[in-house]
């Protein structure tokens, strides 16, 4: 498993990020992109370029934020484009 930072290690101000929303109401997904060029997050043994994607749900009382790396995000988008999450209806 690859190393993944915590929100504290990212050191970003969540309220200052450019969040993109899936809708307008509570329960909408919000995503923000963190390019590695803006942060020195690479571990000594992993110097690859990494882009972090943050995901949260609007209205979540616990204010949870999930962190994905570029590979995880691209895999998710590939699945969406190829119908992996369709319910078959």
Protein backbone atom coordinates (compact mmCIF):
# COMPACT_ATOMS: atom_id res chain seq x y z
CA UNK A 1 0.00 0.00 0.00
CA UNK A 2 1.25 3.45 -0.88
CA UNK A 3 1.70 6.12 1.73
CA UNK A 4 -1.18 8.58 1.98
CA UNK A 5 -1.13 11.81 3.99
CA UNK A 6 -3.63 12.82 6.62
CA UNK A 7 -5.41 16.16 6.38
CA UNK A 8 -3.01 17.52 8.99
CA UNK A 9 -0.03 16.43 6.87
CA UNK A 10 -1.53 18.09 3.80
CA UNK A 11 -1.69 21.32 5.76
CA UNK A 12 -4.47 22.81 3.66
CA UNK A 13 -7.22 25.16 4.72
CA UNK A 14 -10.35 23.25 3.71
CA UNK A 15 -12.44 26.40 3.56
CA UNK A 16 -9.99 28.09 1.18
CA UNK A 17 -10.02 25.27 -1.39
CA UNK A 18 -11.87 25.47 -4.70
CA UNK A 19 -14.52 22.79 -4.06
CA UNK A 20 -16.49 21.49 -7.04
CA UNK A 21 -20.00 20.29 -6.19
CA UNK A 22 -22.23 17.62 -7.69
CA UNK A 23 -25.36 19.53 -6.69
CA UNK A 24 -26.70 22.27 -4.46
CA UNK A 25 -28.33 20.46 -1.56
CA UNK A 26 -27.20 18.60 1.52
CA UNK A 27 -25.73 15.26 0.52
CA UNK A 28 -24.01 16.64 -2.58
CA UNK A 29 -20.46 15.46 -3.21
CA UNK A 30 -17.70 18.06 -3.11
CA UNK A 31 -14.21 17.50 -4.51
CA UNK A 32 -11.03 19.56 -4.41
CA UNK A 33 -7.72 18.89 -6.15
CA UNK A 34 -4.33 19.36 -4.45
CA UNK A 35 -1.37 19.28 -6.90
CA UNK A 36 1.88 18.02 -5.38
CA UNK A 37 3.72 21.00 -6.89
CA UNK A 38 2.09 23.13 -4.19
CA UNK A 39 3.09 20.80 -1.36
CA UNK A 40 6.29 18.90 -0.54
CA UNK A 41 4.54 15.67 0.42
CA UNK A 42 6.75 13.08 -1.26
CA UNK A 43 8.41 10.70 1.15
CA UNK A 44 12.14 10.13 0.88
CA UNK A 45 11.55 6.73 -0.78
CA UNK A 46 8.80 7.96 -3.16
CA UNK A 47 9.64 10.99 -5.28
CA UNK A 48 6.85 10.48 -7.84
CA UNK A 49 4.50 13.28 -8.72
CA UNK A 50 1.27 12.89 -6.76
CA UNK A 51 -1.97 14.78 -6.93
CA UNK A 52 -4.34 14.43 -4.01
CA UNK A 53 -8.09 14.54 -4.44
CA UNK A 54 -10.25 15.41 -1.43
CA UNK A 55 -13.88 14.30 -1.28
CA UNK A 56 -16.52 15.29 1.23
CA UNK A 57 -20.31 15.24 1.47
CA UNK A 58 -22.14 18.51 1.96
CA UNK A 59 -24.03 18.56 5.23
CA UNK A 60 -22.04 15.71 6.85
CA UNK A 61 -22.26 16.50 10.58
CA UNK A 62 -18.85 14.86 11.19
CA UNK A 63 -17.26 16.92 8.37
CA UNK A 64 -15.33 13.87 7.13
CA UNK A 65 -12.93 14.27 4.21
CA UNK A 66 -11.64 11.33 2.19
CA UNK A 67 -8.23 11.53 0.51
CA UNK A 68 -7.47 9.82 -2.80
CA UNK A 69 -4.30 9.78 -4.86
CA UNK A 70 -4.31 10.28 -8.62
CA UNK A 71 -4.28 6.53 -9.38
CA UNK A 72 -7.29 5.86 -7.15
CA UNK A 73 -9.18 8.81 -8.67
CA UNK A 74 -8.41 7.79 -12.26
CA UNK A 75 -9.49 4.22 -11.48
CA UNK A 76 -12.78 5.52 -10.08
CA UNK A 77 -13.39 7.70 -13.16
CA UNK A 78 -12.58 4.74 -15.44
CA UNK A 79 -15.18 2.64 -13.60
CA UNK A 80 -17.80 5.35 -13.92
CA UNK A 81 -17.16 5.75 -17.65
CA UNK A 82 -17.43 1.99 -18.18
CA UNK A 83 -20.62 1.43 -16.17
CA UNK A 84 -19.09 -0.40 -13.20
CA UNK A 85 -21.43 1.42 -10.80
CA UNK A 86 -24.63 1.14 -12.86
CA UNK A 87 -27.40 -0.68 -11.03
CA UNK A 88 -28.48 -2.48 -14.20
CA UNK A 89 -31.83 -0.69 -14.41
